[in-house]
Amino acid sequence: MMKTNMGDVDRMVRALVGFTALGAGFYFQSWWGLTGLVILATATFSWCPPYAMLGINTCSAEKN
């Protein structure tokens, strides 16, 4: 099962970047919208596959 590996600040930054990329995708009608969806998905689930592969964890100890 997926174990949370992203902290609150990481999630907020990803959500902001995701919404920005999603907006750029709609505005410019480009692939940025798809990129924004992927970034938003990682923020929503608090799990990042590259973080899992590299052993990175930005969660605080109490949430982990």
PDB file of N, CA and C in Angstrom:
ATOM      1  N   MET A   1       0.829  -1.178   0.000  1.00  0.00           N
ATOM      2  CA  MET A   1       0.000   0.000   0.000  1.00  0.00           C
ATOM      3  C   MET A   1       0.879   1.250   0.000  1.00  0.00           C
ATOM      4  N   MET A   2       0.332   2.342  -0.496  1.00  0.00           N
ATOM      5  CA  MET A   2       1.077   3.595  -0.553  1.00  0.00           C
ATOM      6  C   MET A   2       1.180   4.210   0.840  1.00  0.00           C
ATOM      7  N   LYS A   3       2.394   4.517   1.239  1.00  0.00           N
ATOM      8  CA  LYS A   3       2.634   5.158   2.522  1.00  0.00           C
ATOM      9  C   LYS A   3       2.908   6.635   2.256  1.00  0.00           C
ATOM     10  N   THR A   4       2.286   7.512   3.016  1.00  0.00           N
ATOM     11  CA  THR A   4       2.455   8.945   2.833  1.00  0.00           C
ATOM     12  C   THR A   4       3.932   9.318   2.909  1.00  0.00           C
ATOM     13  N   ASN A   5       4.410  10.067   1.892  1.00  0.00           N
ATOM     14  CA  ASN A   5       5.808  10.475   1.912  1.00  0.00           C
ATOM     15  C   ASN A   5       5.983  11.971   1.624  1.00  0.00           C
ATOM     16  N   MET A   6       4.895  12.741   1.740  1.00  0.00           N
ATOM     17  CA  MET A   6       4.961  14.179   1.499  1.00  0.00           C
ATOM     18  C   MET A   6       4.385  14.939   2.681  1.00  0.00           C
ATOM     19  N   GLY A   7       5.085  15.982   3.090  1.00  0.00           N
ATOM     20  CA  GLY A   7       4.630  16.822   4.186  1.00  0.00           C
ATOM     21  C   GLY A   7       3.640  17.874   3.712  1.00  0.00           C
ATOM     22  N   ASP A   8       3.116  18.636   4.654  1.00  0.00           N
ATOM     23  CA  ASP A   8       2.091  19.645   4.358  1.00  0.00           C
ATOM     24  C   ASP A   8       2.605  20.746   3.433  1.00  0.00           C
ATOM     25  N   VAL A   9       3.804  21.253   3.696  1.00  0.00           N
ATOM     26  CA  VAL A   9       4.350  22.324   2.860  1.00  0.00           C
ATOM     27  C   VAL A   9       4.568  21.813   1.442  1.00  0.00           C
ATOM     28  N   ASP A  10       5.104  20.618   1.308  1.00  0.00           N
ATOM     29  CA  ASP A  10       5.314  19.996   0.000  1.00  0.00           C
ATOM     30  C   ASP A  10       3.990  19.866  -0.751  1.00  0.00           C
ATOM     31  N   ARG A  11       2.954  19.437  -0.056  1.00  0.00           N
ATOM     32  CA  ARG A  11       1.633  19.283  -0.684  1.00  0.00           C
ATOM     33  C   ARG A  11       1.066  20.627  -1.139  1.00  0.00           C
ATOM     34  N   MET A  12       1.214  21.667  -0.304  1.00  0.00           N
ATOM     35  CA  MET A  12       0.684  22.986  -0.673  1.00  0.00           C
ATOM     36  C   MET A  12       1.409  23.558  -1.890  1.00  0.00           C
ATOM     37  N   VAL A  13       2.715  23.410  -1.925  1.00  0.00           N
ATOM     38  CA  VAL A  13       3.485  23.900  -3.068  1.00  0.00           C
ATOM     39  C   VAL A  13       3.091  23.142  -4.333  1.00  0.00           C
ATOM     40  N   ARG A  14       2.954  21.828  -4.224  1.00  0.00           N
ATOM     41  CA  ARG A  14       2.553  21.029  -5.383  1.00  0.00           C
ATOM     42  C   ARG A  14       1.151  21.410  -5.861  1.00  0.00           C
ATOM     43  N   ALA A  15       0.244  21.655  -4.939  1.00  0.00           N
ATOM     44  CA  ALA A  15      -1.114  22.043  -5.327  1.00  0.00           C
ATOM     45  C   ALA A  15      -1.092  23.376  -6.068  1.00  0.00           C
ATOM     46  N   LEU A  16      -0.328  24.335  -5.579  1.00  0.00           N
ATOM     47  CA  LEU A  16      -0.216  25.629  -6.239  1.00  0.00           C
ATOM     48  C   LEU A  16       0.385  25.482  -7.638  1.00  0.00           C
ATOM     49  N   VAL A  17       1.458  24.728  -7.744  1.00  0.00           N
ATOM     50  CA  VAL A  17       2.093  24.504  -9.050  1.00  0.00           C
ATOM     51  C   VAL A  17       1.156  23.722  -9.964  1.00  0.00           C
ATOM     52  N   GLY A  18       0.455  22.745  -9.418  1.00  0.00           N
ATOM     53  CA  GLY A  18      -0.477  21.948 -10.215  1.00  0.00           C
ATOM     54  C   GLY A  18      -1.612  22.771 -10.789  1.00  0.00           C
ATOM     55  N   PHE A  19      -2.214  23.625  -9.954  1.00  0.00           N
ATOM     56  CA  PHE A  19      -3.298  24.481 -10.449  1.00  0.00           C
ATOM     57  C   PHE A  19      -2.787  25.488 -11.480  1.00  0.00           C
ATOM     58  N   THR A  20      -1.569  25.989 -11.265  1.00  0.00           N
ATOM     59  CA  THR A  20      -0.973  26.915 -12.224  1.00  0.00           C
ATOM     60  C   THR A  20      -0.733  26.222 -13.566  1.00  0.00           C
ATOM     61  N   ALA A  21      -0.174  25.012 -13.527  1.00  0.00           N
ATOM     62  CA  ALA A  21       0.077  24.267 -14.761  1.00  0.00           C
ATOM     63  C   ALA A  21      -1.236  23.882 -15.444  1.00  0.00           C
ATOM     64  N   LEU A  22      -2.237  23.541 -14.663  1.00  0.00           N
ATOM     65  CA  LEU A  22      -3.542  23.199 -15.224  1.00  0.00           C
ATOM     66  C   LEU A  22      -4.153  24.411 -15.923  1.00  0.00           C
ATOM     67  N   GLY A  23      -4.068  25.562 -15.283  1.00  0.00           N
ATOM     68  CA  GLY A  23      -4.561  26.793 -15.894  1.00  0.00           C
ATOM     69  C   GLY A  23      -3.807  27.141 -17.166  1.00  0.00           C
ATOM     70  N   ALA A  24      -2.494  26.958 -17.153  1.00  0.00           N
ATOM     71  CA  ALA A  24      -1.687  27.228 -18.349  1.00  0.00           C
ATOM     72  C   ALA A  24      -2.065  26.268 -19.476  1.00  0.00           C
ATOM     73  N   GLY A  25      -2.356  25.033 -19.111  1.00  0.00           N
ATOM     74  CA  GLY A  25      -2.769  24.058 -20.121  1.00  0.00           C
ATOM     75  C   GLY A  25      -4.070  24.432 -20.790  1.00  0.00           C
ATOM     76  N   PHE A  26      -5.021  24.900 -19.998  1.00  0.00           N
ATOM     77  CA  PHE A  26      -6.292  25.335 -20.581  1.00  0.00           C
ATOM     78  C   PHE A  26      -6.133  26.609 -21.400  1.00  0.00           C
ATOM     79  N   TYR A  27      -5.358  27.536 -20.883  1.00  0.00           N
ATOM     80  CA  TYR A  27      -5.184  28.816 -21.567  1.00  0.00           C
ATOM     81  C   TYR A  27      -4.449  28.646 -22.903  1.00  0.00           C
ATOM     82  N   PHE A  28      -3.333  27.921 -22.864  1.00  0.00           N
ATOM     83  CA  PHE A  28      -2.523  27.740 -24.072  1.00  0.00           C
ATOM     84  C   PHE A  28      -2.913  26.491 -24.869  1.00  0.00           C
ATOM     85  N   GLN A  29      -3.853  25.720 -24.358  1.00  0.00           N
ATOM     86  CA  GLN A  29      -4.287  24.467 -24.981  1.00  0.00           C
ATOM     87  C   GLN A  29      -3.084  23.591 -25.312  1.00  0.00           C
ATOM     88  N   SER A  30      -2.334  23.275 -24.254  1.00  0.00           N
ATOM     89  CA  SER A  30      -1.111  22.493 -24.422  1.00  0.00           C
ATOM     90  C   SER A  30      -1.075  21.340 -23.426  1.00  0.00           C
ATOM     91  N   TRP A  31       0.034  20.629 -23.426  1.00  0.00           N
ATOM     92  CA  TRP A  31       0.213  19.465 -22.559  1.00  0.00           C
ATOM     93  C   TRP A  31       0.416  19.861 -21.098  1.00  0.00           C
ATOM     94  N   TRP A  32       0.542  21.139 -20.802  1.00  0.00           N
ATOM     95  CA  TRP A  32       0.718  21.573 -19.422  1.00  0.00           C
ATOM     96  C   TRP A  32      -0.468  21.179 -18.543  1.00  0.00           C
ATOM     97  N   GLY A  33      -1.630  21.083 -19.128  1.00  0.00           N
ATOM     98  CA  GLY A  33      -2.802  20.669 -18.362  1.00  0.00           C
ATOM     99  C   GLY A  33      -2.655  19.260 -17.811  1.00  0.00           C
ATOM    100  N   LEU A  34      -2.124  18.365 -18.618  1.00  0.00           N
ATOM    101  CA  LEU A  34      -1.892  16.987 -18.173  1.00  0.00           C
ATOM    102  C   LEU A  34      -0.842  16.949 -17.073  1.00  0.00           C
ATOM    103  N   THR A  35       0.199  17.731 -17.226  1.00  0.00           N
ATOM    104  CA  THR A  35       1.231  17.805 -16.198  1.00  0.00           C
ATOM    105  C   THR A  35       0.641  18.311 -14.883  1.00  0.00           C
ATOM    106  N   GLY A  36      -0.228  19.310 -14.984  1.00  0.00           N
ATOM    107  CA  GLY A  36      -0.882  19.836 -13.790  1.00  0.00           C
ATOM    108  C   GLY A  36      -1.738  18.791 -13.089  1.00  0.00           C
ATOM    109  N   LEU A  37      -2.419  17.950 -13.865  1.00  0.00           N
ATOM    110  CA  LEU A  37      -3.237  16.885 -13.262  1.00  0.00           C
ATOM    111  C   LEU A  37      -2.381  15.886 -12.498  1.00  0.00           C
ATOM    112  N   VAL A  38      -1.241  15.533 -13.044  1.00  0.00           N
ATOM    113  CA  VAL A  38      -0.343  14.582 -12.369  1.00  0.00           C
ATOM    114  C   VAL A  38       0.184  15.187 -11.073  1.00  0.00           C
ATOM    115  N   ILE A  39       0.580  16.445 -11.133  1.00  0.00           N
ATOM    116  CA  ILE A  39       1.085  17.118  -9.930  1.00  0.00           C
ATOM    117  C   ILE A  39      -0.009  17.226  -8.868  1.00  0.00           C
ATOM    118  N   LEU A  40      -1.231  17.551  -9.284  1.00  0.00           N
ATOM    119  CA  LEU A  40      -2.346  17.628  -8.338  1.00  0.00           C
ATOM    120  C   LEU A  40      -2.668  16.262  -7.731  1.00  0.00           C
ATOM    121  N   ALA A  41      -2.531  15.208  -8.518  1.00  0.00           N
ATOM    122  CA  ALA A  41      -2.789  13.857  -8.001  1.00  0.00           C
ATOM    123  C   ALA A  41      -1.796  13.499  -6.896  1.00  0.00           C
ATOM    124  N   THR A  42      -0.524  13.824  -7.088  1.00  0.00           N
ATOM    125  CA  THR A  42       0.460  13.521  -6.043  1.00  0.00           C
ATOM    126  C   THR A  42       0.169  14.339  -4.780  1.00  0.00           C
ATOM    127  N   ALA A  43      -0.280  15.580  -4.953  1.00  0.00           N
ATOM    128  CA  ALA A  43      -0.622  16.402  -3.785  1.00  0.00           C
ATOM    129  C   ALA A  43      -1.855  15.860  -3.074  1.00  0.00           C
ATOM    130  N   THR A  44      -2.826  15.378  -3.836  1.00  0.00           N
ATOM    131  CA  THR A  44      -4.064  14.853  -3.255  1.00  0.00           C
ATOM    132  C   THR A  44      -3.812  13.598  -2.427  1.00  0.00           C
ATOM    133  N   PHE A  45      -2.990  12.696  -2.959  1.00  0.00           N
ATOM    134  CA  PHE A  45      -2.750  11.420  -2.280  1.00  0.00           C
ATOM    135  C   PHE A  45      -1.581  11.455  -1.306  1.00  0.00           C
ATOM    136  N   SER A  46      -0.860  12.583  -1.235  1.00  0.00           N
ATOM    137  CA  SER A  46       0.301  12.735  -0.347  1.00  0.00           C
ATOM    138  C   SER A  46       1.346  11.661  -0.595  1.00  0.00           C
ATOM    139  N   TRP A  47       1.451  11.223  -1.826  1.00  0.00           N
ATOM    140  CA  TRP A  47       2.402  10.174  -2.178  1.00  0.00           C
ATOM    141  C   TRP A  47       3.013  10.487  -3.524  1.00  0.00           C
ATOM    142  N   CYS A  48       4.328  10.476  -3.586  1.00  0.00           N
ATOM    143  CA  CYS A  48       5.057  10.777  -4.807  1.00  0.00           C
ATOM    144  C   CYS A  48       5.878   9.546  -5.187  1.00  0.00           C
ATOM    145  N   PRO A  49       5.624   8.940  -6.348  1.00  0.00           N
ATOM    146  CA  PRO A  49       6.382   7.743  -6.747  1.00  0.00           C
ATOM    147  C   PRO A  49       7.900   7.945  -6.798  1.00  0.00           C
ATOM    148  N   PRO A  50       8.410   9.059  -7.371  1.00  0.00           N
ATOM    149  CA  PRO A  50       9.872   9.223  -7.336  1.00  0.00           C
ATOM    150  C   PRO A  50      10.418   9.333  -5.910  1.00  0.00           C
ATOM    151  N   TYR A  51       9.674   9.986  -5.015  1.00  0.00           N
ATOM    152  CA  TYR A  51      10.101  10.038  -3.617  1.00  0.00           C
ATOM    153  C   TYR A  51      10.197   8.622  -3.049  1.00  0.00           C
ATOM    154  N   ALA A  52       9.219   7.786  -3.353  1.00  0.00           N
ATOM    155  CA  ALA A  52       9.222   6.407  -2.848  1.00  0.00           C
ATOM    156  C   ALA A  52      10.425   5.634  -3.377  1.00  0.00           C
ATOM    157  N   MET A  53      10.726   5.801  -4.655  1.00  0.00           N
ATOM    158  CA  MET A  53      11.864   5.081  -5.256  1.00  0.00           C
ATOM    159  C   MET A  53      13.203   5.549  -4.692  1.00  0.00           C
ATOM    160  N   LEU A  54      13.303   6.834  -4.383  1.00  0.00           N
ATOM    161  CA  LEU A  54      14.557   7.400  -3.889  1.00  0.00           C
ATOM    162  C   LEU A  54      14.660   7.405  -2.365  1.00  0.00           C
ATOM    163  N   GLY A  55      13.614   6.988  -1.687  1.00  0.00           N
ATOM    164  CA  GLY A  55      13.613   6.943  -0.228  1.00  0.00           C
ATOM    165  C   GLY A  55      13.490   8.306   0.429  1.00  0.00           C
ATOM    166  N   ILE A  56      12.910   9.264  -0.267  1.00  0.00           N
ATOM    167  CA  ILE A  56      12.726  10.612   0.276  1.00  0.00           C
ATOM    168  C   ILE A  56      11.393  10.680   1.010  1.00  0.00           C
ATOM    169  N   ASN A  57      11.393  11.334   2.162  1.00  0.00           N
ATOM    170  CA  ASN A  57      10.179  11.494   2.944  1.00  0.00           C
ATOM    171  C   ASN A  57      10.194  12.883   3.574  1.00  0.00           C
ATOM    172  N   THR A  58       9.235  13.739   3.205  1.00  0.00           N
ATOM    173  CA  THR A  58       9.174  15.085   3.755  1.00  0.00           C
ATOM    174  C   THR A  58       8.116  15.226   4.840  1.00  0.00           C
ATOM    175  N   CYS A  59       7.525  14.109   5.261  1.00  0.00           N
ATOM    176  CA  CYS A  59       6.530  14.130   6.325  1.00  0.00           C
ATOM    177  C   CYS A  59       7.194  14.361   7.673  1.00  0.00           C
ATOM    178  N   SER A  60       6.432  14.956   8.576  1.00  0.00           N
ATOM    179  CA  SER A  60       6.933  15.058   9.942  1.00  0.00           C
ATOM    180  C   SER A  60       6.847  13.675  10.578  1.00  0.00           C
ATOM    181  N   ALA A  61       7.609  13.453  11.612  1.00  0.00           N
ATOM    182  CA  ALA A  61       7.682  12.149  12.255  1.00  0.00           C
ATOM    183  C   ALA A  61       6.335  11.698  12.813  1.00  0.00           C
ATOM    184  N   GLU A  62       5.521  12.633  13.305  1.00  0.00           N
ATOM    185  CA  GLU A  62       4.249  12.254  13.919  1.00  0.00           C
ATOM    186  C   GLU A  62       3.208  11.792  12.894  1.00  0.00           C
ATOM    187  N   LYS A  63       3.312  12.243  11.633  1.00  0.00           N
ATOM    188  CA  LYS A  63       2.351  11.830  10.614  1.00  0.00           C
ATOM    189  C   LYS A  63       2.786  10.561   9.895  1.00  0.00           C
ATOM    190  N   ASN A  64       4.014  10.215  10.008  1.00  0.00           N
ATOM    191  CA  ASN A  64       4.576   9.093   9.272  1.00  0.00           C
ATOM    192  C   ASN A  64       4.267   7.779   9.883  1.00  0.00           C
TER     193      ASN A  64
END
